[in-house]
Protein backbone atom coordinates (compact mmCIF):
# COMPACT_ATOMS: atom_id res chain seq x y z
CA MET A 1 -10.95 129.54 169.82
CA LYS A 2 -9.92 133.02 170.49
CA SER A 3 -6.59 134.07 169.09
CA ASP A 4 -5.84 135.96 172.08
CA GLY A 5 -6.73 133.28 174.51
CA PRO A 6 -4.48 131.52 176.99
CA ILE A 7 -2.23 128.36 176.33
CA ALA A 8 -3.99 125.42 177.85
CA ILE A 9 -1.56 122.68 179.20
CA LEU A 10 -2.99 119.27 179.73
CA ALA A 11 -0.40 118.10 182.33
CA GLY A 12 0.73 114.48 183.15
CA ALA A 13 3.69 113.35 185.00
CA GLY A 14 7.22 114.41 185.10
CA GLN A 15 9.18 117.66 185.02
CA LEU A 16 8.10 118.89 181.58
CA PRO A 17 4.89 120.26 182.57
CA ILE A 18 6.42 122.24 185.38
CA GLN A 19 9.32 123.53 183.10
CA LEU A 20 6.82 124.46 180.31
CA VAL A 21 4.72 126.56 183.10
CA ARG A 22 7.84 128.36 184.34
CA HIS A 23 8.73 129.27 180.71
CA LEU A 24 5.26 130.64 180.04
CA GLU A 25 5.33 132.57 183.19
CA ARG A 26 8.74 133.98 182.20
CA ALA A 27 7.36 135.06 178.83
CA GLY A 28 4.50 136.72 180.43
CA GLN A 29 2.08 134.31 178.41
CA GLU A 30 -1.33 133.66 180.02
CA TYR A 31 -1.99 129.99 180.52
CA ARG A 32 -4.43 127.50 182.09
CA VAL A 33 -3.31 124.13 183.70
CA MET A 34 -5.33 121.07 183.58
CA ALA A 35 -3.58 118.37 185.52
CA PHE A 36 -4.27 114.88 185.34
CA ARG A 37 -4.99 113.30 188.76
CA GLY A 38 -2.76 110.45 189.45
CA PHE A 39 0.02 111.63 187.00
CA ALA A 40 0.78 115.14 187.54
CA ALA A 41 3.14 116.23 190.21
CA THR A 42 1.78 117.38 193.69
CA ALA A 43 3.11 120.69 193.31
CA LEU A 44 1.46 121.46 189.80
CA ARG A 45 -1.82 120.00 191.04
CA ARG A 46 -1.81 122.59 193.66
CA GLN A 47 -1.50 125.46 191.40
CA ALA A 48 -3.51 124.03 188.56
CA HIS A 49 -6.56 125.69 187.44
CA ALA A 50 -8.37 122.36 187.28
CA ASN A 51 -7.67 118.74 188.29
CA VAL A 52 -9.35 116.13 186.04
CA ASP A 53 -9.30 112.29 185.42
CA LEU A 54 -7.47 111.36 182.34
CA LEU A 55 -10.52 109.67 180.85
CA ASP A 56 -13.28 112.35 181.80
CA LEU A 57 -13.53 113.63 178.32
CA LYS A 58 -16.84 115.47 179.03
CA THR A 59 -15.23 117.66 181.77
CA ILE A 60 -11.91 118.03 179.70
CA MET A 61 -13.70 119.42 176.68
CA GLY A 62 -16.07 121.43 178.82
CA LEU A 63 -13.25 123.18 180.55
CA LEU A 64 -11.54 123.95 177.26
CA ASP A 65 -14.72 125.20 175.94
CA GLU A 66 -14.88 127.50 178.70
CA TRP A 67 -11.41 128.48 178.69
CA GLN A 68 -11.25 129.18 174.88
CA PRO A 69 -7.67 128.64 174.57
CA LYS A 70 -5.45 129.96 171.48
CA ALA A 71 -3.70 126.66 171.74
CA VAL A 72 -3.44 123.43 173.74
CA SER A 73 -0.61 121.34 174.64
CA LEU A 74 -0.36 117.67 176.08
CA VAL A 75 2.80 117.38 178.09
CA GLY A 76 3.94 114.84 180.46
CA ALA A 77 3.86 111.16 180.85
CA VAL A 78 0.51 109.19 181.33
CA ARG A 79 -0.01 105.44 181.55
CA ARG A 80 -2.17 103.99 178.86
CA PRO A 81 -5.51 103.05 180.33
CA GLY A 82 -7.10 99.65 179.62
CA PHE A 83 -8.65 98.87 176.16
CA SER A 84 -12.33 98.81 177.65
CA ALA A 85 -11.62 102.12 179.58
CA LEU A 86 -10.35 103.88 176.46
CA LEU A 87 -13.27 102.63 174.45
CA GLY A 88 -16.01 103.74 176.90
CA ALA A 89 -14.41 107.10 177.12
CA TYR A 90 -13.44 107.80 173.49
CA SER A 91 -17.12 106.49 172.23
CA LEU A 92 -18.86 109.28 173.88
CA LEU A 93 -17.44 111.52 171.34
CA ARG A 94 -16.72 109.24 168.40
CA ASN A 95 -18.06 106.20 166.43
CA ARG A 96 -17.52 103.09 168.60
CA GLN A 97 -16.06 100.99 165.72
CA GLU A 98 -13.72 103.88 164.67
CA VAL A 99 -12.46 104.11 168.17
CA LYS A 100 -11.73 100.17 168.39
CA GLU A 101 -9.67 100.40 165.33
CA VAL A 102 -7.62 103.54 166.61
CA ILE A 103 -6.87 102.28 170.09
CA ALA A 104 -5.95 98.65 168.93
CA ARG A 105 -3.18 100.01 167.10
CA GLY A 106 -0.82 101.27 169.66
CA ASP A 107 0.15 104.14 171.76
CA ASP A 108 0.99 106.42 169.08
CA GLN A 109 -2.40 105.90 167.42
CA VAL A 110 -4.10 106.75 170.95
CA LEU A 111 -2.19 109.93 171.00
CA ARG A 112 -3.10 110.80 167.46
CA GLY A 113 -6.82 110.04 168.39
CA ALA A 114 -6.53 112.55 171.32
CA VAL A 115 -5.15 115.21 168.97
CA MET A 116 -7.88 114.30 166.30
CA LEU A 117 -10.51 114.89 169.14
CA LEU A 118 -9.15 118.13 170.25
CA GLU A 119 -8.71 119.45 166.59
CA GLU A 120 -12.25 118.47 165.74
CA ARG A 121 -13.54 120.71 168.65
CA GLY A 122 -11.69 123.72 167.07
CA HIS A 123 -8.45 123.54 169.23
CA LYS A 124 -5.03 124.03 167.93
CA VAL A 125 -2.77 121.43 169.35
CA VAL A 126 1.01 122.49 169.79
CA GLY A 127 4.13 120.85 171.07
CA ALA A 128 6.18 122.00 173.96
CA HIS A 129 8.93 122.50 171.52
CA GLU A 130 6.78 125.14 169.81
CA LEU A 131 6.02 126.95 173.02
CA ALA A 132 9.52 126.55 174.55
CA PRO A 133 12.01 125.99 171.64
CA GLY A 134 14.76 126.57 174.14
CA LEU A 135 14.04 123.35 175.67
CA VAL A 136 14.90 121.56 172.28
CA ALA A 137 18.40 119.76 172.09
CA PRO A 138 20.32 121.96 169.53
CA PRO A 139 22.73 120.02 167.11
CA THR A 140 25.71 121.73 169.04
CA LEU A 141 24.66 120.11 172.41
CA GLN A 142 27.63 118.49 173.99
CA GLY A 143 29.19 118.03 177.34
CA GLY A 144 32.74 117.87 178.48
CA LEU A 145 33.39 114.46 177.36
CA LEU A 146 33.26 112.82 174.10
CA PRO A 147 32.25 109.42 172.85
CA SER A 148 34.90 106.84 171.97
CA GLU A 149 35.05 105.25 168.64
CA ASP A 150 33.15 102.10 170.42
CA ASP A 151 30.74 104.56 171.72
CA ARG A 152 30.03 106.19 168.22
CA ARG A 153 29.59 102.64 166.83
CA ALA A 154 26.95 101.78 169.71
CA ILE A 155 25.14 105.00 168.86
CA ALA A 156 24.84 104.19 165.01
CA MET A 157 23.72 100.82 165.82
CA GLY A 158 21.18 102.18 168.33
CA LEU A 159 19.78 104.60 165.79
CA ASP A 160 19.29 101.70 163.30
CA VAL A 161 17.52 99.84 165.75
CA LEU A 162 15.14 102.49 166.81
CA ASN A 163 14.55 103.33 162.95
CA SER A 164 13.77 99.75 162.33
CA LEU A 165 11.39 99.52 165.35
CA SER A 166 9.52 102.78 164.56
CA ALA A 167 6.71 100.84 162.48
CA PHE A 168 6.00 98.80 165.65
CA ASP A 169 5.22 101.67 167.80
CA ILE A 170 7.83 100.48 170.46
CA GLY A 171 9.72 102.94 172.64
CA GLN A 172 11.96 105.92 171.98
CA ALA A 173 15.20 104.47 173.52
CA ALA A 174 17.72 101.80 173.41
CA ILE A 175 20.84 100.87 175.21
CA VAL A 176 23.78 99.50 173.16
CA SER A 177 27.33 98.39 174.42
CA ARG A 178 29.94 97.19 171.87
CA GLU A 179 27.39 96.80 169.16
CA HIS A 180 25.22 94.51 171.42
CA VAL A 181 21.68 95.58 172.17
CA LEU A 182 21.31 95.36 175.84
CA ALA A 183 17.77 96.81 176.14
CA ILE A 184 14.94 98.49 174.18
CA GLU A 185 12.44 100.85 175.94
CA GLY A 186 8.94 99.42 176.60
CA PRO A 187 5.96 100.77 178.18
CA GLU A 188 8.02 101.05 181.44
CA GLY A 189 9.70 104.28 180.20
CA THR A 190 13.44 105.31 180.10
CA ASP A 191 14.25 105.52 183.86
CA ARG A 192 12.87 102.02 184.55
CA MET A 193 14.72 100.54 181.41
CA LEU A 194 17.88 102.10 182.83
CA ARG A 195 17.18 100.49 186.44
CA ARG A 196 16.66 97.23 184.52
CA ILE A 197 20.29 97.47 183.09
CA ARG A 198 21.44 98.40 186.61
CA ALA A 199 19.88 95.38 188.03
CA LEU A 200 21.41 93.00 185.41
CA ARG A 201 24.95 94.15 186.09
CA GLN A 202 25.23 92.51 189.32
CA THR A 203 27.87 89.92 190.27
CA TRP A 204 26.57 86.44 191.14
CA LEU A 205 27.04 87.23 194.90
CA GLY A 206 24.61 90.21 194.62
CA LEU A 207 27.25 92.80 194.85
CA ARG A 208 27.43 95.75 192.61
CA GLN A 209 29.63 95.07 189.58
CA ARG A 210 30.92 98.60 188.51
CA GLU A 211 30.85 97.49 184.59
CA LYS A 212 31.32 100.55 182.61
CA GLY A 213 30.28 100.86 178.90
CA GLY A 214 27.09 101.17 176.85
CA VAL A 215 25.22 104.17 175.41
CA LEU A 216 21.66 105.36 176.00
CA ILE A 217 20.38 106.42 172.50
CA LYS A 218 16.91 108.50 172.87
CA ALA A 219 15.26 109.72 169.84
CA ALA A 220 11.91 110.28 168.04
CA LYS A 221 10.41 107.47 165.87
CA ARG A 222 10.10 107.77 162.42
CA GLY A 223 6.81 109.39 161.43
CA GLN A 224 6.34 110.48 165.11
CA ASP A 225 4.03 113.58 165.72
CA LEU A 226 6.37 115.74 167.86
CA ARG A 227 3.41 117.62 169.31
CA VAL A 228 2.74 114.61 171.70
CA ASP A 229 5.26 112.45 173.49
CA MET A 230 8.32 114.18 172.48
CA PRO A 231 11.37 112.27 173.65
CA THR A 232 12.52 114.11 176.74
CA ILE A 233 15.63 113.78 179.20
CA GLY A 234 16.85 115.71 182.18
CA PRO A 235 19.37 115.55 185.04
CA ARG A 236 17.55 112.44 186.67
CA THR A 237 18.04 110.64 183.15
CA VAL A 238 21.77 111.31 183.45
CA ALA A 239 21.89 110.06 186.94
CA GLU A 240 19.89 106.72 186.24
CA ALA A 241 22.46 106.30 183.24
CA ALA A 242 25.35 106.60 185.48
CA ARG A 243 23.91 104.22 188.07
CA ALA A 244 23.51 101.77 185.23
CA GLY A 245 27.24 101.98 184.61
CA LEU A 246 26.67 103.54 180.98
CA ALA A 247 29.56 105.67 179.43
CA GLY A 248 27.11 108.37 177.89
CA ILE A 249 23.62 109.38 176.25
CA ALA A 250 23.04 110.34 172.69
CA VAL A 251 19.86 112.24 171.85
CA GLY A 252 18.12 113.21 168.56
CA ALA A 253 19.06 116.70 167.69
CA GLY A 254 16.18 119.17 167.24
CA SER A 255 13.75 116.47 168.14
CA THR A 256 14.41 115.66 171.85
CA LEU A 257 13.60 117.97 174.89
CA VAL A 258 16.43 118.38 177.35
CA LEU A 259 14.96 119.65 180.53
CA ASP A 260 17.27 122.43 182.25
CA GLN A 261 20.00 121.88 179.75
CA GLU A 262 22.79 123.46 181.87
CA ALA A 263 21.92 121.40 184.88
CA THR A 264 21.73 118.22 182.58
CA LEU A 265 25.19 118.96 181.17
CA ARG A 266 26.75 119.75 184.46
CA THR A 267 25.39 116.37 185.78
CA ALA A 268 26.78 114.61 182.87
CA ASP A 269 30.20 116.12 183.47
CA ARG A 270 30.19 115.47 187.13
CA LEU A 271 29.26 111.82 186.73
CA GLY A 272 31.72 111.23 183.94
CA LEU A 273 29.24 110.56 181.18
CA PHE A 274 29.36 112.12 177.76
CA LEU A 275 26.16 113.94 176.46
CA VAL A 276 25.78 114.56 172.55
CA ALA A 277 23.01 115.45 169.98
CA VAL A 278 23.07 113.34 166.79
CA ASP A 279 21.23 114.01 163.54
CA LEU A 280 18.40 111.57 162.72
CA PRO A 281 18.42 110.61 159.09
CA TRP A 282 14.67 109.77 158.96
CA MET A 283 13.53 113.20 160.56
CA GLY A 284 14.44 115.36 157.64
CA ALA A 285 14.71 119.19 158.55
CA ARG A 286 15.36 119.70 162.16
CA ILE A 287 13.40 122.07 164.40
CA GLU A 288 15.78 124.92 165.09
């Protein structure tokens, strides 16, 4: 790995890879984009230096050996492939039994396994927050509206729920209303969880019931490797939360990415939602 090489972006779905590329361009930092087919946005795939299949580890590692990046960053969402597909791909580079043990233990373990593979090949793995610290939610993040006392109790309960669930490798978000847990994020992701709540808030006649209340709490899990799968929100998250009838959003300070922070805050104010950053007791020192 050359100390003066490019940054290699392994890009999945969503806006984060696009935002990170724009940041690197503004900073004058050389980069290479490896876009995952079926995940990365069309516009990003068109400008990518290579388009690869998620499990084509031979091509991925070959390209990284060719590029000699000074750091590698895995950004953007991908769907977890099936057990047999993962086993077949990872077994090309690691002991088959070891791979079985890793991928049987949940999504976090699979991501850590990917990081381990990259590091064993001599690549330094960094998170988007290290490359673009301006995307990280500061402790002072706050929109024009403030949470009520009921909302603050919901936030506290949501943090307790997420902390308790950390050991089970379950999602990074929950929705709580009046100390009642409405939803916990699963493999479907935050946006689909919000749509699920929106669908539940229907009248018996199928008409939209404008029920207000509830908070989306999104935060890193206890012990989570922030270099991969860092919690992320943006203007679309705020819009989905508004459609679900929520009162606001709370994110982990120093450990959540907020894409286009100004636009996200403006969207929250325009749609009448509060947006605040909160400390996570289990995270220790924040990333400033």
